[in-house]
Amino acid sequence: MTAGRRYLVGVSAVAAAALVLSFVLPPDARTGVWLATTLALIVQAPLGWRVVRAIGTERLQLVWAVGIAARFALVAACGLVVAPRLGLALAPLLFTLVGVLMCCVVVEAVVVRSATEVR
């Protein structure tokens, strides 16, 4: 399996897990969870894909660092702007957002490691 496919499978699994877990929450928290999952995947998918494409190049660390900064900016924007404007509870939104982003970072790390292992 290629690195790109591994990444796609991993991110899809994270999205599916977030969706399934949202159904154990109270209905008023689900909107924040779904919004956070959607925003995280919209930001994460292209950032992670760039990391996967940068494997084996000099710019891998730069691409990864820019991605981390973008994720941090997303969390800050959601906490300071999005949730208050939409009247959403902060806890479900931010916990889900950080959780999905960090799970996707783990997927990136696994894909990068498996693609760079010496066989």
C-alpha atoms as a PDB file:
ATOM      1  CA  MET A   1       0.000   0.000   0.000  1.00  0.00           C
ATOM      2  CA  THR A   2       1.318   3.441  -0.891  1.00  0.00           C
ATOM      3  CA  ALA A   3       1.896   6.184   1.665  1.00  0.00           C
ATOM      4  CA  GLY A   4      -0.975   8.192   0.201  1.00  0.00           C
ATOM      5  CA  ARG A   5      -3.394   5.310   0.597  1.00  0.00           C
ATOM      6  CA  ARG A   6      -2.235   4.660   4.148  1.00  0.00           C
ATOM      7  CA  TYR A   7      -2.852   8.307   4.947  1.00  0.00           C
ATOM      8  CA  LEU A   8      -6.303   8.282   3.350  1.00  0.00           C
ATOM      9  CA  VAL A   9      -7.307   5.116   5.232  1.00  0.00           C
ATOM     10  CA  GLY A  10      -6.025   6.537   8.517  1.00  0.00           C
ATOM     11  CA  VAL A  11      -7.799   9.873   8.180  1.00  0.00           C
ATOM     12  CA  SER A  12     -10.997   8.117   7.114  1.00  0.00           C
ATOM     13  CA  ALA A  13     -10.812   5.919  10.216  1.00  0.00           C
ATOM     14  CA  VAL A  14     -10.369   8.991  12.430  1.00  0.00           C
ATOM     15  CA  ALA A  15     -13.385  10.680  10.804  1.00  0.00           C
ATOM     16  CA  ALA A  16     -15.514   7.549  11.197  1.00  0.00           C
ATOM     17  CA  ALA A  17     -14.517   7.175  14.851  1.00  0.00           C
ATOM     18  CA  ALA A  18     -15.421  10.814  15.579  1.00  0.00           C
ATOM     19  CA  LEU A  19     -18.774  10.391  13.885  1.00  0.00           C
ATOM     20  CA  VAL A  20     -19.586   7.200  15.791  1.00  0.00           C
ATOM     21  CA  LEU A  21     -18.502   8.680  19.108  1.00  0.00           C
ATOM     22  CA  SER A  22     -20.663  11.759  18.527  1.00  0.00           C
ATOM     23  CA  PHE A  23     -23.786   9.656  18.892  1.00  0.00           C
ATOM     24  CA  VAL A  24     -23.049   8.889  22.555  1.00  0.00           C
ATOM     25  CA  LEU A  25     -23.108  12.614  23.360  1.00  0.00           C
ATOM     26  CA  PRO A  26     -26.178  14.665  24.191  1.00  0.00           C
ATOM     27  CA  PRO A  27     -27.889  16.112  21.095  1.00  0.00           C
ATOM     28  CA  ASP A  28     -26.907  19.703  21.927  1.00  0.00           C
ATOM     29  CA  ALA A  29     -23.197  18.779  21.890  1.00  0.00           C
ATOM     30  CA  ARG A  30     -23.338  16.941  18.558  1.00  0.00           C
ATOM     31  CA  THR A  31     -23.407  20.121  16.462  1.00  0.00           C
ATOM     32  CA  GLY A  32     -20.106  21.255  17.924  1.00  0.00           C
ATOM     33  CA  VAL A  33     -18.589  17.805  17.475  1.00  0.00           C
ATOM     34  CA  TRP A  34     -19.686  17.583  13.849  1.00  0.00           C
ATOM     35  CA  LEU A  35     -18.470  21.107  13.103  1.00  0.00           C
ATOM     36  CA  ALA A  36     -15.124  20.433  14.773  1.00  0.00           C
ATOM     37  CA  THR A  37     -14.678  17.171  12.884  1.00  0.00           C
ATOM     38  CA  THR A  38     -15.517  18.850   9.585  1.00  0.00           C
ATOM     39  CA  LEU A  39     -13.194  21.811  10.179  1.00  0.00           C
ATOM     40  CA  ALA A  40     -10.378  19.567  11.377  1.00  0.00           C
ATOM     41  CA  LEU A  41     -10.605  17.388   8.282  1.00  0.00           C
ATOM     42  CA  ILE A  42     -10.869  20.376   5.928  1.00  0.00           C
ATOM     43  CA  VAL A  43      -7.645  21.779   7.379  1.00  0.00           C
ATOM     44  CA  GLN A  44      -5.897  18.495   8.114  1.00  0.00           C
ATOM     45  CA  ALA A  45      -6.421  16.670   4.837  1.00  0.00           C
ATOM     46  CA  PRO A  46      -4.354  19.001   2.631  1.00  0.00           C
ATOM     47  CA  LEU A  47      -1.756  19.632   5.346  1.00  0.00           C
ATOM     48  CA  GLY A  48      -1.214  15.944   5.963  1.00  0.00           C
ATOM     49  CA  TRP A  49      -1.151  15.219   2.261  1.00  0.00           C
ATOM     50  CA  ARG A  50       1.662  17.766   1.845  1.00  0.00           C
ATOM     51  CA  VAL A  51       3.602  16.054   4.623  1.00  0.00           C
ATOM     52  CA  VAL A  52       3.153  12.683   2.954  1.00  0.00           C
ATOM     53  CA  ARG A  53       4.326  14.137  -0.366  1.00  0.00           C
ATOM     54  CA  ALA A  54       7.334  15.762   1.328  1.00  0.00           C
ATOM     55  CA  ILE A  55       8.650  12.435   2.655  1.00  0.00           C
ATOM     56  CA  GLY A  56      12.281  12.054   1.697  1.00  0.00           C
ATOM     57  CA  THR A  57      12.795  15.712   0.803  1.00  0.00           C
ATOM     58  CA  GLU A  58      14.639  18.499   2.562  1.00  0.00           C
ATOM     59  CA  ARG A  59      11.448  20.393   3.219  1.00  0.00           C
ATOM     60  CA  LEU A  60       9.692  17.718   5.303  1.00  0.00           C
ATOM     61  CA  GLN A  61      10.309  19.476   8.627  1.00  0.00           C
ATOM     62  CA  LEU A  62       9.290  22.861   7.228  1.00  0.00           C
ATOM     63  CA  VAL A  63       6.050  21.464   5.821  1.00  0.00           C
ATOM     64  CA  TRP A  64       5.337  19.703   9.113  1.00  0.00           C
ATOM     65  CA  ALA A  65       6.020  22.882  11.155  1.00  0.00           C
ATOM     66  CA  VAL A  66       3.758  25.005   8.943  1.00  0.00           C
ATOM     67  CA  GLY A  67       1.056  22.384   9.402  1.00  0.00           C
ATOM     68  CA  ILE A  68       1.364  22.493  13.182  1.00  0.00           C
ATOM     69  CA  ALA A  69       1.086  26.300  13.113  1.00  0.00           C
ATOM     70  CA  ALA A  70      -2.028  26.093  10.928  1.00  0.00           C
ATOM     71  CA  ARG A  71      -3.610  23.590  13.324  1.00  0.00           C
ATOM     72  CA  PHE A  72      -2.871  25.855  16.271  1.00  0.00           C
ATOM     73  CA  ALA A  73      -4.428  28.798  14.422  1.00  0.00           C
ATOM     74  CA  LEU A  74      -7.541  26.716  13.729  1.00  0.00           C
ATOM     75  CA  VAL A  75      -7.935  25.808  17.399  1.00  0.00           C
ATOM     76  CA  ALA A  76      -7.487  29.456  18.427  1.00  0.00           C
ATOM     77  CA  ALA A  77      -9.974  30.684  15.810  1.00  0.00           C
ATOM     78  CA  CYS A  78     -12.573  28.107  16.831  1.00  0.00           C
ATOM     79  CA  GLY A  79     -12.202  28.915  20.512  1.00  0.00           C
ATOM     80  CA  LEU A  80     -12.142  32.679  20.168  1.00  0.00           C
ATOM     81  CA  VAL A  81     -14.382  33.327  17.161  1.00  0.00           C
ATOM     82  CA  VAL A  82     -16.357  30.383  15.777  1.00  0.00           C
ATOM     83  CA  ALA A  83     -17.869  28.919  18.960  1.00  0.00           C
ATOM     84  CA  PRO A  84     -18.928  32.269  20.467  1.00  0.00           C
ATOM     85  CA  ARG A  85     -20.441  33.517  17.191  1.00  0.00           C
ATOM     86  CA  LEU A  86     -22.412  30.318  16.637  1.00  0.00           C
ATOM     87  CA  GLY A  87     -23.357  29.973  20.294  1.00  0.00           C
ATOM     88  CA  LEU A  88     -21.767  26.530  20.627  1.00  0.00           C
ATOM     89  CA  ALA A  89     -20.429  25.039  23.828  1.00  0.00           C
ATOM     90  CA  LEU A  90     -16.642  25.290  23.900  1.00  0.00           C
ATOM     91  CA  ALA A  91     -15.847  21.941  25.522  1.00  0.00           C
ATOM     92  CA  PRO A  92     -17.307  19.554  22.914  1.00  0.00           C
ATOM     93  CA  LEU A  93     -16.065  21.683  20.032  1.00  0.00           C
ATOM     94  CA  LEU A  94     -12.503  22.148  21.264  1.00  0.00           C
ATOM     95  CA  PHE A  95     -12.025  18.639  22.679  1.00  0.00           C
ATOM     96  CA  THR A  96     -13.196  17.137  19.411  1.00  0.00           C
ATOM     97  CA  LEU A  97     -11.144  19.536  17.318  1.00  0.00           C
ATOM     98  CA  VAL A  98      -7.932  18.867  19.213  1.00  0.00           C
ATOM     99  CA  GLY A  99      -8.662  15.144  19.380  1.00  0.00           C
ATOM    100  CA  VAL A 100      -9.268  14.769  15.656  1.00  0.00           C
ATOM    101  CA  LEU A 101      -6.250  16.920  14.773  1.00  0.00           C
ATOM    102  CA  MET A 102      -3.947  14.974  17.077  1.00  0.00           C
ATOM    103  CA  CYS A 103      -5.228  11.640  15.825  1.00  0.00           C
ATOM    104  CA  CYS A 104      -4.504  12.819  12.288  1.00  0.00           C
ATOM    105  CA  VAL A 105      -0.995  13.869  13.341  1.00  0.00           C
ATOM    106  CA  VAL A 106      -0.489  10.334  14.672  1.00  0.00           C
ATOM    107  CA  VAL A 107      -1.659   9.002  11.300  1.00  0.00           C
ATOM    108  CA  GLU A 108       0.911  11.278   9.616  1.00  0.00           C
ATOM    109  CA  ALA A 109       3.658  10.005  11.891  1.00  0.00           C
ATOM    110  CA  VAL A 110       2.777   6.374  11.218  1.00  0.00           C
ATOM    111  CA  VAL A 111       2.682   6.968   7.469  1.00  0.00           C
ATOM    112  CA  VAL A 112       5.973   8.888   7.472  1.00  0.00           C
ATOM    113  CA  ARG A 113       7.655   6.243   9.599  1.00  0.00           C
ATOM    114  CA  SER A 114       6.425   3.361   7.484  1.00  0.00           C
ATOM    115  CA  ALA A 115       7.469   5.152   4.286  1.00  0.00           C
ATOM    116  CA  THR A 116      10.975   5.888   5.555  1.00  0.00           C
ATOM    117  CA  GLU A 117      11.774   2.534   7.185  1.00  0.00           C
ATOM    118  CA  VAL A 118      14.763   0.752   5.749  1.00  0.00           C
ATOM    119  CA  ARG A 119      13.710  -2.665   4.528  1.00  0.00           C
END
